[in-house]
Amino acid sequence: MEYVAVLLPSLVVGLLFWFAMRAIFNADKSERQAEAKAQAEADAKAARAAAQASPAVPLADKQPGKAEDSAQGGPEAIPPAGSSGSSSESDK
């Protein structure tokens, strides 16, 4: 009987700690699931809004200076100011 009296307080505190930690982890898991669901709904809503706002033409087809244009003699890409990519007439 002495052993039970000695170990009982530790067991009770251990069980209380276990229940408290289980409750915290379950709450965290539920919060993460709710946040993921809300984020997915927001992403879907944004995708629907973007699809309705823009035409069905891919972005690559809208950009001037794409590879097909320069291969067909179309407009060439202009390098950014201050870049030292190719030599200019002043370097010659």
PDB file of N, CA and C in Angstrom:
ATOM      1  N   MET A   1       0.817  -1.200   0.000  1.00  0.00           N
ATOM      2  CA  MET A   1       0.000   0.000   0.000  1.00  0.00           C
ATOM      3  C   MET A   1       0.859   1.261   0.000  1.00  0.00           C
ATOM      4  N   GLU A   2       2.030   1.161   0.561  1.00  0.00           N
ATOM      5  CA  GLU A   2       2.925   2.321   0.599  1.00  0.00           C
ATOM      6  C   GLU A   2       3.372   2.702  -0.805  1.00  0.00           C
ATOM      7  N   TYR A   3       3.570   1.702  -1.666  1.00  0.00           N
ATOM      8  CA  TYR A   3       4.032   1.982  -3.023  1.00  0.00           C
ATOM      9  C   TYR A   3       2.982   2.744  -3.820  1.00  0.00           C
ATOM     10  N   VAL A   4       1.730   2.381  -3.622  1.00  0.00           N
ATOM     11  CA  VAL A   4       0.642   3.066  -4.322  1.00  0.00           C
ATOM     12  C   VAL A   4       0.556   4.517  -3.865  1.00  0.00           C
ATOM     13  N   ALA A   5       0.691   4.745  -2.590  1.00  0.00           N
ATOM     14  CA  ALA A   5       0.629   6.101  -2.054  1.00  0.00           C
ATOM     15  C   ALA A   5       1.779   6.958  -2.564  1.00  0.00           C
ATOM     16  N   VAL A   6       2.916   6.334  -2.832  1.00  0.00           N
ATOM     17  CA  VAL A   6       4.082   7.073  -3.333  1.00  0.00           C
ATOM     18  C   VAL A   6       3.948   7.345  -4.831  1.00  0.00           C
ATOM     19  N   LEU A   7       3.472   6.379  -5.581  1.00  0.00           N
ATOM     20  CA  LEU A   7       3.414   6.509  -7.040  1.00  0.00           C
ATOM     21  C   LEU A   7       2.154   7.196  -7.549  1.00  0.00           C
ATOM     22  N   LEU A   8       1.090   7.192  -6.807  1.00  0.00           N
ATOM     23  CA  LEU A   8      -0.188   7.749  -7.252  1.00  0.00           C
ATOM     24  C   LEU A   8      -0.105   9.232  -7.647  1.00  0.00           C
ATOM     25  N   PRO A   9       0.503  10.110  -6.878  1.00  0.00           N
ATOM     26  CA  PRO A   9       0.575  11.506  -7.304  1.00  0.00           C
ATOM     27  C   PRO A   9       1.314  11.694  -8.633  1.00  0.00           C
ATOM     28  N   SER A  10       2.392  10.968  -8.821  1.00  0.00           N
ATOM     29  CA  SER A  10       3.141  11.060 -10.081  1.00  0.00           C
ATOM     30  C   SER A  10       2.303  10.551 -11.257  1.00  0.00           C
ATOM     31  N   LEU A  11       1.581   9.466 -11.059  1.00  0.00           N
ATOM     32  CA  LEU A  11       0.724   8.931 -12.122  1.00  0.00           C
ATOM     33  C   LEU A  11      -0.401   9.905 -12.476  1.00  0.00           C
ATOM     34  N   VAL A  12      -1.002  10.517 -11.476  1.00  0.00           N
ATOM     35  CA  VAL A  12      -2.093  11.472 -11.726  1.00  0.00           C
ATOM     36  C   VAL A  12      -1.566  12.685 -12.487  1.00  0.00           C
ATOM     37  N   VAL A  13      -0.423  13.214 -12.076  1.00  0.00           N
ATOM     38  CA  VAL A  13       0.167  14.365 -12.774  1.00  0.00           C
ATOM     39  C   VAL A  13       0.553  13.971 -14.197  1.00  0.00           C
ATOM     40  N   GLY A  14       1.096  12.789 -14.374  1.00  0.00           N
ATOM     41  CA  GLY A  14       1.451  12.304 -15.705  1.00  0.00           C
ATOM     42  C   GLY A  14       0.235  12.173 -16.607  1.00  0.00           C
ATOM     43  N   LEU A  15      -0.850  11.650 -16.084  1.00  0.00           N
ATOM     44  CA  LEU A  15      -2.089  11.540 -16.873  1.00  0.00           C
ATOM     45  C   LEU A  15      -2.665  12.909 -17.224  1.00  0.00           C
ATOM     46  N   LEU A  16      -2.636  13.819 -16.282  1.00  0.00           N
ATOM     47  CA  LEU A  16      -3.109  15.184 -16.571  1.00  0.00           C
ATOM     48  C   LEU A  16      -2.268  15.830 -17.668  1.00  0.00           C
ATOM     49  N   PHE A  17      -0.962  15.647 -17.589  1.00  0.00           N
ATOM     50  CA  PHE A  17      -0.078  16.190 -18.615  1.00  0.00           C
ATOM     51  C   PHE A  17      -0.371  15.568 -19.968  1.00  0.00           C
ATOM     52  N   TRP A  18      -0.582  14.240 -19.997  1.00  0.00           N
ATOM     53  CA  TRP A  18      -0.862  13.553 -21.254  1.00  0.00           C
ATOM     54  C   TRP A  18      -2.163  14.066 -21.883  1.00  0.00           C
ATOM     55  N   PHE A  19      -3.217  14.221 -21.065  1.00  0.00           N
ATOM     56  CA  PHE A  19      -4.494  14.734 -21.590  1.00  0.00           C
ATOM     57  C   PHE A  19      -4.351  16.168 -22.093  1.00  0.00           C
ATOM     58  N   ALA A  20      -3.606  16.984 -21.379  1.00  0.00           N
ATOM     59  CA  ALA A  20      -3.408  18.373 -21.801  1.00  0.00           C
ATOM     60  C   ALA A  20      -2.654  18.433 -23.132  1.00  0.00           C
ATOM     61  N   MET A  21      -1.604  17.662 -23.276  1.00  0.00           N
ATOM     62  CA  MET A  21      -0.827  17.660 -24.521  1.00  0.00           C
ATOM     63  C   MET A  21      -1.646  17.100 -25.680  1.00  0.00           C
ATOM     64  N   ARG A  22      -2.434  16.078 -25.418  1.00  0.00           N
ATOM     65  CA  ARG A  22      -3.292  15.520 -26.467  1.00  0.00           C
ATOM     66  C   ARG A  22      -4.300  16.558 -26.948  1.00  0.00           C
ATOM     67  N   ALA A  23      -4.864  17.317 -26.012  1.00  0.00           N
ATOM     68  CA  ALA A  23      -5.815  18.362 -26.384  1.00  0.00           C
ATOM     69  C   ALA A  23      -5.135  19.462 -27.205  1.00  0.00           C
ATOM     70  N   ILE A  24      -3.924  19.830 -26.829  1.00  0.00           N
ATOM     71  CA  ILE A  24      -3.191  20.859 -27.577  1.00  0.00           C
ATOM     72  C   ILE A  24      -2.881  20.378 -28.991  1.00  0.00           C
ATOM     73  N   PHE A  25      -2.391  19.152 -29.127  1.00  0.00           N
ATOM     74  CA  PHE A  25      -2.058  18.628 -30.451  1.00  0.00           C
ATOM     75  C   PHE A  25      -3.296  18.451 -31.328  1.00  0.00           C
ATOM     76  N   ASN A  26      -4.410  18.027 -30.755  1.00  0.00           N
ATOM     77  CA  ASN A  26      -5.647  17.905 -31.533  1.00  0.00           C
ATOM     78  C   ASN A  26      -6.149  19.272 -31.984  1.00  0.00           C
ATOM     79  N   ALA A  27      -6.044  20.268 -31.130  1.00  0.00           N
ATOM     80  CA  ALA A  27      -6.463  21.615 -31.506  1.00  0.00           C
ATOM     81  C   ALA A  27      -5.577  22.158 -32.619  1.00  0.00           C
ATOM     82  N   ASP A  28      -4.276  21.906 -32.525  1.00  0.00           N
ATOM     83  CA  ASP A  28      -3.349  22.357 -33.556  1.00  0.00           C
ATOM     84  C   ASP A  28      -3.642  21.683 -34.890  1.00  0.00           C
ATOM     85  N   LYS A  29      -3.912  20.376 -34.842  1.00  0.00           N
ATOM     86  CA  LYS A  29      -4.225  19.645 -36.071  1.00  0.00           C
ATOM     87  C   LYS A  29      -5.505  20.175 -36.714  1.00  0.00           C
ATOM     88  N   SER A  30      -6.519  20.440 -35.895  1.00  0.00           N
ATOM     89  CA  SER A  30      -7.781  20.965 -36.414  1.00  0.00           C
ATOM     90  C   SER A  30      -7.586  22.359 -37.015  1.00  0.00           C
ATOM     91  N   GLU A  31      -6.768  23.173 -36.361  1.00  0.00           N
ATOM     92  CA  GLU A  31      -6.513  24.517 -36.872  1.00  0.00           C
ATOM     93  C   GLU A  31      -5.775  24.458 -38.208  1.00  0.00           C
ATOM     94  N   ARG A  32      -4.806  23.568 -38.319  1.00  0.00           N
ATOM     95  CA  ARG A  32      -4.066  23.434 -39.580  1.00  0.00           C
ATOM     96  C   ARG A  32      -4.987  22.957 -40.703  1.00  0.00           C
ATOM     97  N   GLN A  33      -5.884  22.035 -40.398  1.00  0.00           N
ATOM     98  CA  GLN A  33      -6.820  21.555 -41.419  1.00  0.00           C
ATOM     99  C   GLN A  33      -7.757  22.664 -41.861  1.00  0.00           C
ATOM    100  N   ALA A  34      -8.269  23.448 -40.913  1.00  0.00           N
ATOM    101  CA  ALA A  34      -9.164  24.549 -41.252  1.00  0.00           C
ATOM    102  C   ALA A  34      -8.436  25.611 -42.065  1.00  0.00           C
ATOM    103  N   GLU A  35      -7.193  25.892 -41.714  1.00  0.00           N
ATOM    104  CA  GLU A  35      -6.423  26.884 -42.454  1.00  0.00           C
ATOM    105  C   GLU A  35      -6.126  26.399 -43.871  1.00  0.00           C
ATOM    106  N   ALA A  36      -5.803  25.132 -44.029  1.00  0.00           N
ATOM    107  CA  ALA A  36      -5.546  24.578 -45.357  1.00  0.00           C
ATOM    108  C   ALA A  36      -6.810  24.623 -46.220  1.00  0.00           C
ATOM    109  N   LYS A  37      -7.951  24.326 -45.625  1.00  0.00           N
ATOM    110  CA  LYS A  37      -9.214  24.380 -46.360  1.00  0.00           C
ATOM    111  C   LYS A  37      -9.535  25.808 -46.784  1.00  0.00           C
ATOM    112  N   ALA A  38      -9.335  26.765 -45.887  1.00  0.00           N
ATOM    113  CA  ALA A  38      -9.599  28.165 -46.216  1.00  0.00           C
ATOM    114  C   ALA A  38      -8.647  28.653 -47.305  1.00  0.00           C
ATOM    115  N   GLN A  39      -7.379  28.242 -47.244  1.00  0.00           N
ATOM    116  CA  GLN A  39      -6.405  28.642 -48.263  1.00  0.00           C
ATOM    117  C   GLN A  39      -6.762  28.037 -49.616  1.00  0.00           C
ATOM    118  N   ALA A  40      -7.193  26.790 -49.631  1.00  0.00           N
ATOM    119  CA  ALA A  40      -7.587  26.147 -50.882  1.00  0.00           C
ATOM    120  C   ALA A  40      -8.807  26.847 -51.493  1.00  0.00           C
ATOM    121  N   GLU A  41      -9.758  27.211 -50.658  1.00  0.00           N
ATOM    122  CA  GLU A  41     -10.933  27.928 -51.160  1.00  0.00           C
ATOM    123  C   GLU A  41     -10.541  29.300 -51.704  1.00  0.00           C
ATOM    124  N   ALA A  42      -9.636  29.993 -51.035  1.00  0.00           N
ATOM    125  CA  ALA A  42      -9.186  31.300 -51.507  1.00  0.00           C
ATOM    126  C   ALA A  42      -8.424  31.174 -52.821  1.00  0.00           C
ATOM    127  N   ASP A  43      -7.589  30.137 -52.949  1.00  0.00           N
ATOM    128  CA  ASP A  43      -6.860  29.917 -54.194  1.00  0.00           C
ATOM    129  C   ASP A  43      -7.814  29.604 -55.339  1.00  0.00           C
ATOM    130  N   ALA A  44      -8.824  28.784 -55.072  1.00  0.00           N
ATOM    131  CA  ALA A  44      -9.795  28.443 -56.104  1.00  0.00           C
ATOM    132  C   ALA A  44     -10.591  29.669 -56.529  1.00  0.00           C
ATOM    133  N   LYS A  45     -10.967  30.506 -55.574  1.00  0.00           N
ATOM    134  CA  LYS A  45     -11.707  31.724 -55.890  1.00  0.00           C
ATOM    135  C   LYS A  45     -10.845  32.672 -56.714  1.00  0.00           C
ATOM    136  N   ALA A  46      -9.573  32.801 -56.359  1.00  0.00           N
ATOM    137  CA  ALA A  46      -8.665  33.672 -57.114  1.00  0.00           C
ATOM    138  C   ALA A  46      -8.444  33.132 -58.519  1.00  0.00           C
ATOM    139  N   ALA A  47      -8.356  31.817 -58.656  1.00  0.00           N
ATOM    140  CA  ALA A  47      -8.167  31.219 -59.977  1.00  0.00           C
ATOM    141  C   ALA A  47      -9.399  31.439 -60.854  1.00  0.00           C
ATOM    142  N   ARG A  48     -10.590  31.315 -60.260  1.00  0.00           N
ATOM    143  CA  ARG A  48     -11.816  31.565 -61.028  1.00  0.00           C
ATOM    144  C   ARG A  48     -11.893  33.029 -61.457  1.00  0.00           C
ATOM    145  N   ALA A  49     -11.523  33.937 -60.560  1.00  0.00           N
ATOM    146  CA  ALA A  49     -11.562  35.367 -60.885  1.00  0.00           C
ATOM    147  C   ALA A  49     -10.549  35.695 -61.967  1.00  0.00           C
ATOM    148  N   ALA A  50      -9.372  35.100 -61.903  1.00  0.00           N
ATOM    149  CA  ALA A  50      -8.346  35.348 -62.905  1.00  0.00           C
ATOM    150  C   ALA A  50      -8.762  34.768 -64.255  1.00  0.00           C
ATOM    151  N   ALA A  51      -9.408  33.626 -64.242  1.00  0.00           N
ATOM    152  CA  ALA A  51      -9.845  33.001 -65.493  1.00  0.00           C
ATOM    153  C   ALA A  51     -10.947  33.819 -66.148  1.00  0.00           C
ATOM    154  N   GLN A  52     -11.798  34.433 -65.361  1.00  0.00           N
ATOM    155  CA  GLN A  52     -12.875  35.248 -65.919  1.00  0.00           C
ATOM    156  C   GLN A  52     -12.362  36.597 -66.401  1.00  0.00           C
ATOM    157  N   ALA A  53     -11.318  37.117 -65.778  1.00  0.00           N
ATOM    158  CA  ALA A  53     -10.808  38.444 -66.107  1.00  0.00           C
ATOM    159  C   ALA A  53      -9.912  38.445 -67.332  1.00  0.00           C
ATOM    160  N   SER A  54      -9.204  37.343 -67.609  1.00  0.00           N
ATOM    161  CA  SER A  54      -8.268  37.328 -68.728  1.00  0.00           C
ATOM    162  C   SER A  54      -8.785  36.413 -69.827  1.00  0.00           C
ATOM    163  N   PRO A  55      -8.424  36.729 -71.080  1.00  0.00           N
ATOM    164  CA  PRO A  55      -8.829  35.859 -72.185  1.00  0.00           C
ATOM    165  C   PRO A  55      -8.059  34.546 -72.142  1.00  0.00           C
ATOM    166  N   ALA A  56      -8.440  33.626 -73.004  1.00  0.00           N
ATOM    167  CA  ALA A  56      -7.854  32.290 -73.001  1.00  0.00           C
ATOM    168  C   ALA A  56      -6.531  32.229 -73.755  1.00  0.00           C
ATOM    169  N   VAL A  57      -5.909  33.368 -74.078  1.00  0.00           N
ATOM    170  CA  VAL A  57      -4.637  33.386 -74.788  1.00  0.00           C
ATOM    171  C   VAL A  57      -3.517  33.172 -73.782  1.00  0.00           C
ATOM    172  N   PRO A  58      -2.609  32.227 -74.021  1.00  0.00           N
ATOM    173  CA  PRO A  58      -1.506  32.006 -73.075  1.00  0.00           C
ATOM    174  C   PRO A  58      -0.611  33.232 -72.986  1.00  0.00           C
ATOM    175  N   LEU A  59       0.035  33.415 -71.866  1.00  0.00           N
ATOM    176  CA  LEU A  59       0.875  34.574 -71.608  1.00  0.00           C
ATOM    177  C   LEU A  59       2.044  34.641 -72.576  1.00  0.00           C
ATOM    178  N   ALA A  60       2.603  33.511 -72.974  1.00  0.00           N
ATOM    179  CA  ALA A  60       3.753  33.489 -73.871  1.00  0.00           C
ATOM    180  C   ALA A  60       3.391  34.079 -75.234  1.00  0.00           C
ATOM    181  N   ASP A  61       2.145  33.945 -75.667  1.00  0.00           N
ATOM    182  CA  ASP A  61       1.731  34.479 -76.954  1.00  0.00           C
ATOM    183  C   ASP A  61       1.569  35.989 -76.925  1.00  0.00           C
ATOM    184  N   LYS A  62       1.423  36.583 -75.756  1.00  0.00           N
ATOM    185  CA  LYS A  62       1.207  38.017 -75.643  1.00  0.00           C
ATOM    186  C   LYS A  62       2.506  38.808 -75.583  1.00  0.00           C
ATOM    187  N   GLN A  63       3.631  38.170 -75.245  1.00  0.00           N
ATOM    188  CA  GLN A  63       4.860  38.892 -74.996  1.00  0.00           C
ATOM    189  C   GLN A  63       5.558  39.266 -76.298  1.00  0.00           C
ATOM    190  N   PRO A  64       5.882  40.554 -76.469  1.00  0.00           N
ATOM    191  CA  PRO A  64       6.648  40.953 -77.649  1.00  0.00           C
ATOM    192  C   PRO A  64       8.095  40.491 -77.495  1.00  0.00           C
ATOM    193  N   GLY A  65       8.755  40.258 -78.621  1.00  0.00           N
ATOM    194  CA  GLY A  65      10.144  39.870 -78.583  1.00  0.00           C
ATOM    195  C   GLY A  65      10.366  38.428 -78.217  1.00  0.00           C
ATOM    196  N   LYS A  66       9.364  37.590 -78.404  1.00  0.00           N
ATOM    197  CA  LYS A  66       9.543  36.177 -78.085  1.00  0.00           C
ATOM    198  C   LYS A  66      10.402  35.525 -79.150  1.00  0.00           C
ATOM    199  N   ALA A  67      10.825  34.303 -78.955  1.00  0.00           N
ATOM    200  CA  ALA A  67      11.782  33.636 -79.817  1.00  0.00           C
ATOM    201  C   ALA A  67      11.284  33.509 -81.252  1.00  0.00           C
ATOM    202  N   GLU A  68       9.988  33.268 -81.465  1.00  0.00           N
ATOM    203  CA  GLU A  68       9.470  33.127 -82.821  1.00  0.00           C
ATOM    204  C   GLU A  68       9.565  34.446 -83.582  1.00  0.00           C
ATOM    205  N   ASP A  69       9.320  35.582 -82.915  1.00  0.00           N
ATOM    206  CA  ASP A  69       9.392  36.882 -83.572  1.00  0.00           C
ATOM    207  C   ASP A  69      10.809  37.190 -84.030  1.00  0.00           C
ATOM    208  N   SER A  70      11.812  36.938 -83.182  1.00  0.00           N
ATOM    209  CA  SER A  70      13.181  37.251 -83.548  1.00  0.00           C
ATOM    210  C   SER A  70      13.673  36.302 -84.634  1.00  0.00           C
ATOM    211  N   ALA A  71      13.194  35.063 -84.680  1.00  0.00           N
ATOM    212  CA  ALA A  71      13.599  34.127 -85.720  1.00  0.00           C
ATOM    213  C   ALA A  71      12.964  34.495 -87.047  1.00  0.00           C
ATOM    214  N   GLN A  72      11.806  35.152 -87.047  1.00  0.00           N
ATOM    215  CA  GLN A  72      11.116  35.538 -88.268  1.00  0.00           C
ATOM    216  C   GLN A  72      11.471  36.960 -88.684  1.00  0.00           C
ATOM    217  N   GLY A  73      12.426  37.564 -88.045  1.00  0.00           N
ATOM    218  CA  GLY A  73      12.806  38.923 -88.393  1.00  0.00           C
ATOM    219  C   GLY A  73      11.968  39.955 -87.673  1.00  0.00           C
ATOM    220  N   GLY A  74      11.288  39.565 -86.620  1.00  0.00           N
ATOM    221  CA  GLY A  74      10.450  40.471 -85.853  1.00  0.00           C
ATOM    222  C   GLY A  74      11.284  41.313 -84.908  1.00  0.00           C
ATOM    223  N   PRO A  75      10.641  41.968 -83.957  1.00  0.00           N
ATOM    224  CA  PRO A  75      11.386  42.829 -83.030  1.00  0.00           C
ATOM    225  C   PRO A  75      12.359  42.018 -82.187  1.00  0.00           C
ATOM    226  N   GLU A  76      13.541  42.596 -81.985  1.00  0.00           N
ATOM    227  CA  GLU A  76      14.556  41.924 -81.173  1.00  0.00           C
ATOM    228  C   GLU A  76      14.482  42.426 -79.750  1.00  0.00           C
ATOM    229  N   ALA A  77      14.935  41.596 -78.833  1.00  0.00           N
ATOM    230  CA  ALA A  77      14.941  41.984 -77.429  1.00  0.00           C
ATOM    231  C   ALA A  77      15.994  43.049 -77.192  1.00  0.00           C
ATOM    232  N   ILE A  78      15.644  44.062 -76.433  1.00  0.00           N
ATOM    233  CA  ILE A  78      16.562  45.142 -76.123  1.00  0.00           C
ATOM    234  C   ILE A  78      17.160  44.852 -74.752  1.00  0.00           C
ATOM    235  N   PRO A  79      18.520  44.844 -74.641  1.00  0.00           N
ATOM    236  CA  PRO A  79      19.118  44.567 -73.342  1.00  0.00           C
ATOM    237  C   PRO A  79      18.861  45.709 -72.375  1.00  0.00           C
ATOM    238  N   PRO A  80      18.830  45.436 -71.089  1.00  0.00           N
ATOM    239  CA  PRO A  80      18.598  46.490 -70.113  1.00  0.00           C
ATOM    240  C   PRO A  80      19.749  47.484 -70.090  1.00  0.00           C
ATOM    241  N   ALA A  81      19.455  48.704 -69.687  1.00  0.00           N
ATOM    242  CA  ALA A  81      20.467  49.764 -69.640  1.00  0.00           C
ATOM    243  C   ALA A  81      21.571  49.391 -68.659  1.00  0.00           C
ATOM    244  N   GLY A  82      22.790  49.651 -69.050  1.00  0.00           N
ATOM    245  CA  GLY A  82      23.913  49.391 -68.168  1.00  0.00           C
ATOM    246  C   GLY A  82      24.429  47.975 -68.224  1.00  0.00           C
ATOM    247  N   SER A  83      23.873  47.144 -69.087  1.00  0.00           N
ATOM    248  CA  SER A  83      24.370  45.777 -69.176  1.00  0.00           C
ATOM    249  C   SER A  83      25.541  45.743 -70.130  1.00  0.00           C
ATOM    250  N   SER A  84      26.453  44.860 -69.878  1.00  0.00           N
ATOM    251  CA  SER A  84      27.632  44.740 -70.731  1.00  0.00           C
ATOM    252  C   SER A  84      27.553  43.439 -71.513  1.00  0.00           C
ATOM    253  N   GLY A  85      26.409  43.193 -72.128  1.00  0.00           N
ATOM    254  CA  GLY A  85      26.189  41.941 -72.846  1.00  0.00           C
ATOM    255  C   GLY A  85      26.958  41.859 -74.138  1.00  0.00           C
ATOM    256  N   SER A  86      26.686  42.710 -75.120  1.00  0.00           N
ATOM    257  CA  SER A  86      27.371  42.646 -76.407  1.00  0.00           C
ATOM    258  C   SER A  86      28.104  43.951 -76.608  1.00  0.00           C
ATOM    259  N   SER A  87      29.024  43.922 -77.517  1.00  0.00           N
ATOM    260  CA  SER A  87      29.812  45.139 -77.791  1.00  0.00           C
ATOM    261  C   SER A  87      28.986  46.092 -78.630  1.00  0.00           C
ATOM    262  N   SER A  88      29.110  47.347 -78.378  1.00  0.00           N
ATOM    263  CA  SER A  88      28.400  48.354 -79.147  1.00  0.00           C
ATOM    264  C   SER A  88      29.394  49.061 -80.069  1.00  0.00           C
ATOM    265  N   GLU A  89      28.907  49.973 -80.874  1.00  0.00           N
ATOM    266  CA  GLU A  89      29.764  50.665 -81.801  1.00  0.00           C
ATOM    267  C   GLU A  89      30.787  51.534 -81.087  1.00  0.00           C
ATOM    268  N   SER A  90      30.464  52.028 -79.904  1.00  0.00           N
ATOM    269  CA  SER A  90      31.410  52.875 -79.156  1.00  0.00           C
ATOM    270  C   SER A  90      32.574  52.069 -78.608  1.00  0.00           C
ATOM    271  N   ASP A  91      32.407  50.730 -78.474  1.00  0.00           N
ATOM    272  CA  ASP A  91      33.502  49.902 -77.989  1.00  0.00           C
ATOM    273  C   ASP A  91      34.515  49.589 -79.065  1.00  0.00           C
ATOM    274  N   LYS A  92      34.152  49.775 -80.335  1.00  0.00           N
ATOM    275  CA  LYS A  92      35.035  49.414 -81.453  1.00  0.00           C
ATOM    276  C   LYS A  92      36.087  50.429 -81.725  1.00  0.00           C
TER     277      LYS A  92
END
